[in-house]
Amino acid sequence: MSRPGRDEDPDRLYTLTGGRSRSDSAAFDLVTLVVSECDPTPGMQSEHAAILRMCRTPVAVVEIAADLRLPVSIVRILLSDLQATGRITARHPRPAGPGAQLPDPTILEQVLVGLRNL
């Protein structure tokens, strides 16, 4: 039995990324917000076009991967391609308000453990 959401066709993944296994940019973590800067163009790779349509409003990398049903590592490579051509912009979400800070990592870890135990 395979894990849900796991792509079982490595040839397809190889084709999507042109054989690359790592993105050229370290700018994309799971919560990086991506926004498209243009509409898809004819002849564009279908996954690139889907990302541009999906990101008309800010979307997190993890959401893009879930919607495309692709591993995050593959989505990062596709996003790097789009960023290199200026078709998307990416930014890490910032805490709201002046002086705001991210939650304590130990609290986040406890929440994650609790969710896994459900």
C-alpha atoms as a PDB file:
ATOM      1  CA  MET A   1       0.000   0.000   0.000  1.00  0.00           C
ATOM      2  CA  SER A   2       1.377   3.422  -0.906  1.00  0.00           C
ATOM      3  CA  ARG A   3       1.161   6.645   1.042  1.00  0.00           C
ATOM      4  CA  PRO A   4      -1.681   8.970   0.002  1.00  0.00           C
ATOM      5  CA  GLY A   5      -0.652  11.777  -2.323  1.00  0.00           C
ATOM      6  CA  ARG A   6       2.535   9.986  -3.322  1.00  0.00           C
ATOM      7  CA  ASP A   7       3.300  10.009  -7.045  1.00  0.00           C
ATOM      8  CA  GLU A   8       4.148   6.489  -8.147  1.00  0.00           C
ATOM      9  CA  ASP A   9       5.609   7.482 -11.528  1.00  0.00           C
ATOM     10  CA  PRO A  10       9.236   8.579 -11.136  1.00  0.00           C
ATOM     11  CA  ASP A  11       9.560   8.998 -14.914  1.00  0.00           C
ATOM     12  CA  ARG A  12       6.876  11.671 -14.829  1.00  0.00           C
ATOM     13  CA  LEU A  13       8.636  13.523 -12.008  1.00  0.00           C
ATOM     14  CA  TYR A  14      11.930  13.294 -13.895  1.00  0.00           C
ATOM     15  CA  THR A  15      10.260  14.774 -16.967  1.00  0.00           C
ATOM     16  CA  LEU A  16       8.575  17.587 -15.003  1.00  0.00           C
ATOM     17  CA  THR A  17      11.882  18.797 -13.624  1.00  0.00           C
ATOM     18  CA  GLY A  18      14.068  18.115 -16.633  1.00  0.00           C
ATOM     19  CA  GLY A  19      16.021  15.602 -14.578  1.00  0.00           C
ATOM     20  CA  ARG A  20      16.845  18.009 -11.768  1.00  0.00           C
ATOM     21  CA  SER A  21      16.512  16.757  -8.213  1.00  0.00           C
ATOM     22  CA  ARG A  22      17.135  20.059  -6.401  1.00  0.00           C
ATOM     23  CA  SER A  23      15.924  23.589  -6.954  1.00  0.00           C
ATOM     24  CA  ASP A  24      18.383  26.351  -7.728  1.00  0.00           C
ATOM     25  CA  SER A  25      16.886  28.491  -4.979  1.00  0.00           C
ATOM     26  CA  ALA A  26      16.611  27.917  -1.249  1.00  0.00           C
ATOM     27  CA  ALA A  27      13.898  30.593  -1.126  1.00  0.00           C
ATOM     28  CA  PHE A  28      10.976  28.161  -0.912  1.00  0.00           C
ATOM     29  CA  ASP A  29      10.094  26.545   2.382  1.00  0.00           C
ATOM     30  CA  LEU A  30       6.683  25.064   3.167  1.00  0.00           C
ATOM     31  CA  VAL A  31       5.045  28.335   4.239  1.00  0.00           C
ATOM     32  CA  THR A  32       6.581  30.657   1.657  1.00  0.00           C
ATOM     33  CA  LEU A  33       3.789  32.588  -0.048  1.00  0.00           C
ATOM     34  CA  VAL A  34       3.836  32.613  -3.835  1.00  0.00           C
ATOM     35  CA  VAL A  35       2.044  35.131  -6.074  1.00  0.00           C
ATOM     36  CA  SER A  36       1.885  34.993  -9.862  1.00  0.00           C
ATOM     37  CA  GLU A  37       3.013  38.079 -11.750  1.00  0.00           C
ATOM     38  CA  CYS A  38       1.473  37.115 -15.094  1.00  0.00           C
ATOM     39  CA  ASP A  39      -1.025  34.796 -16.737  1.00  0.00           C
ATOM     40  CA  PRO A  40      -0.038  31.468 -18.286  1.00  0.00           C
ATOM     41  CA  THR A  41       1.116  31.586 -21.896  1.00  0.00           C
ATOM     42  CA  PRO A  42       0.339  29.121 -24.690  1.00  0.00           C
ATOM     43  CA  GLY A  43       2.792  26.237 -24.843  1.00  0.00           C
ATOM     44  CA  MET A  44       3.783  26.565 -21.206  1.00  0.00           C
ATOM     45  CA  GLN A  45       4.289  23.364 -19.199  1.00  0.00           C
ATOM     46  CA  SER A  46       0.887  22.467 -17.722  1.00  0.00           C
ATOM     47  CA  GLU A  47       2.154  22.423 -14.118  1.00  0.00           C
ATOM     48  CA  HIS A  48       3.698  25.878 -14.533  1.00  0.00           C
ATOM     49  CA  ALA A  49       0.416  27.163 -15.953  1.00  0.00           C
ATOM     50  CA  ALA A  50      -1.537  25.579 -13.080  1.00  0.00           C
ATOM     51  CA  ILE A  51       0.739  27.270 -10.541  1.00  0.00           C
ATOM     52  CA  LEU A  52       0.263  30.673 -12.192  1.00  0.00           C
ATOM     53  CA  ARG A  53      -3.525  30.272 -12.177  1.00  0.00           C
ATOM     54  CA  MET A  54      -3.533  29.026  -8.581  1.00  0.00           C
ATOM     55  CA  CYS A  55      -1.327  31.851  -7.284  1.00  0.00           C
ATOM     56  CA  ARG A  56      -3.353  34.855  -8.405  1.00  0.00           C
ATOM     57  CA  THR A  57      -3.648  35.444  -4.658  1.00  0.00           C
ATOM     58  CA  PRO A  58      -0.882  34.417  -2.213  1.00  0.00           C
ATOM     59  CA  VAL A  59      -0.644  30.638  -1.775  1.00  0.00           C
ATOM     60  CA  ALA A  60       1.762  28.664   0.431  1.00  0.00           C
ATOM     61  CA  VAL A  61       4.171  26.215  -1.191  1.00  0.00           C
ATOM     62  CA  VAL A  62       2.662  23.318   0.747  1.00  0.00           C
ATOM     63  CA  GLU A  63      -0.800  24.172  -0.604  1.00  0.00           C
ATOM     64  CA  ILE A  64       0.511  24.251  -4.162  1.00  0.00           C
ATOM     65  CA  ALA A  65       2.063  20.815  -3.699  1.00  0.00           C
ATOM     66  CA  ALA A  66      -1.176  19.443  -2.251  1.00  0.00           C
ATOM     67  CA  ASP A  67      -3.321  20.873  -5.054  1.00  0.00           C
ATOM     68  CA  LEU A  68      -0.971  19.560  -7.751  1.00  0.00           C
ATOM     69  CA  ARG A  69      -0.559  16.225  -5.919  1.00  0.00           C
ATOM     70  CA  LEU A  70       3.207  16.493  -6.301  1.00  0.00           C
ATOM     71  CA  PRO A  71       6.031  16.179  -3.769  1.00  0.00           C
ATOM     72  CA  VAL A  72       7.134  19.503  -2.283  1.00  0.00           C
ATOM     73  CA  SER A  73      10.649  18.969  -3.643  1.00  0.00           C
ATOM     74  CA  ILE A  74       9.290  18.843  -7.201  1.00  0.00           C
ATOM     75  CA  VAL A  75       7.107  21.917  -6.640  1.00  0.00           C
ATOM     76  CA  ARG A  76      10.152  23.832  -5.362  1.00  0.00           C
ATOM     77  CA  ILE A  77      11.948  23.091  -8.640  1.00  0.00           C
ATOM     78  CA  LEU A  78       8.945  24.245 -10.671  1.00  0.00           C
ATOM     79  CA  LEU A  79       8.695  27.408  -8.562  1.00  0.00           C
ATOM     80  CA  SER A  80      12.393  28.117  -9.080  1.00  0.00           C
ATOM     81  CA  ASP A  81      11.820  27.949 -12.840  1.00  0.00           C
ATOM     82  CA  LEU A  82       8.959  30.431 -12.600  1.00  0.00           C
ATOM     83  CA  GLN A  83      10.857  32.748 -10.272  1.00  0.00           C
ATOM     84  CA  ALA A  84      13.901  32.772 -12.563  1.00  0.00           C
ATOM     85  CA  THR A  85      11.717  34.055 -15.415  1.00  0.00           C
ATOM     86  CA  GLY A  86       9.981  36.661 -13.228  1.00  0.00           C
ATOM     87  CA  ARG A  87       6.586  34.979 -13.447  1.00  0.00           C
ATOM     88  CA  ILE A  88       6.148  34.650  -9.681  1.00  0.00           C
ATOM     89  CA  THR A  89       7.282  36.426  -6.560  1.00  0.00           C
ATOM     90  CA  ALA A  90       7.775  34.711  -3.237  1.00  0.00           C
ATOM     91  CA  ARG A  91       7.965  35.920   0.320  1.00  0.00           C
ATOM     92  CA  HIS A  92       8.072  34.342   3.716  1.00  0.00           C
ATOM     93  CA  PRO A  93       5.041  35.305   5.828  1.00  0.00           C
ATOM     94  CA  ARG A  94       5.826  37.809   8.538  1.00  0.00           C
ATOM     95  CA  PRO A  95       4.175  37.975  11.941  1.00  0.00           C
ATOM     96  CA  ALA A  96       1.410  40.585  12.080  1.00  0.00           C
ATOM     97  CA  GLY A  97       1.986  43.902  13.769  1.00  0.00           C
ATOM     98  CA  PRO A  98       5.058  45.771  14.950  1.00  0.00           C
ATOM     99  CA  GLY A  99       7.260  43.782  17.297  1.00  0.00           C
ATOM    100  CA  ALA A 100       5.358  40.563  16.660  1.00  0.00           C
ATOM    101  CA  GLN A 101       7.311  37.335  16.966  1.00  0.00           C
ATOM    102  CA  LEU A 102       6.862  33.807  15.758  1.00  0.00           C
ATOM    103  CA  PRO A 103       5.524  31.289  18.295  1.00  0.00           C
ATOM    104  CA  ASP A 104       7.974  29.359  20.435  1.00  0.00           C
ATOM    105  CA  PRO A 105       9.196  26.307  18.438  1.00  0.00           C
ATOM    106  CA  THR A 106       8.623  24.008  21.425  1.00  0.00           C
ATOM    107  CA  ILE A 107       4.934  24.963  21.472  1.00  0.00           C
ATOM    108  CA  LEU A 108       4.678  24.271  17.752  1.00  0.00           C
ATOM    109  CA  GLU A 109       6.343  20.896  18.259  1.00  0.00           C
ATOM    110  CA  GLN A 110       3.868  20.029  21.035  1.00  0.00           C
ATOM    111  CA  VAL A 111       0.953  20.969  18.766  1.00  0.00           C
ATOM    112  CA  LEU A 112       2.396  18.782  15.994  1.00  0.00           C
ATOM    113  CA  VAL A 113       2.744  15.826  18.383  1.00  0.00           C
ATOM    114  CA  GLY A 114      -0.850  16.364  19.532  1.00  0.00           C
ATOM    115  CA  LEU A 115      -2.131  16.400  15.969  1.00  0.00           C
ATOM    116  CA  ARG A 116      -0.253  13.228  15.129  1.00  0.00           C
ATOM    117  CA  ASN A 117      -1.809  11.522  18.148  1.00  0.00           C
ATOM    118  CA  LEU A 118      -5.352  12.261  16.956  1.00  0.00           C
END
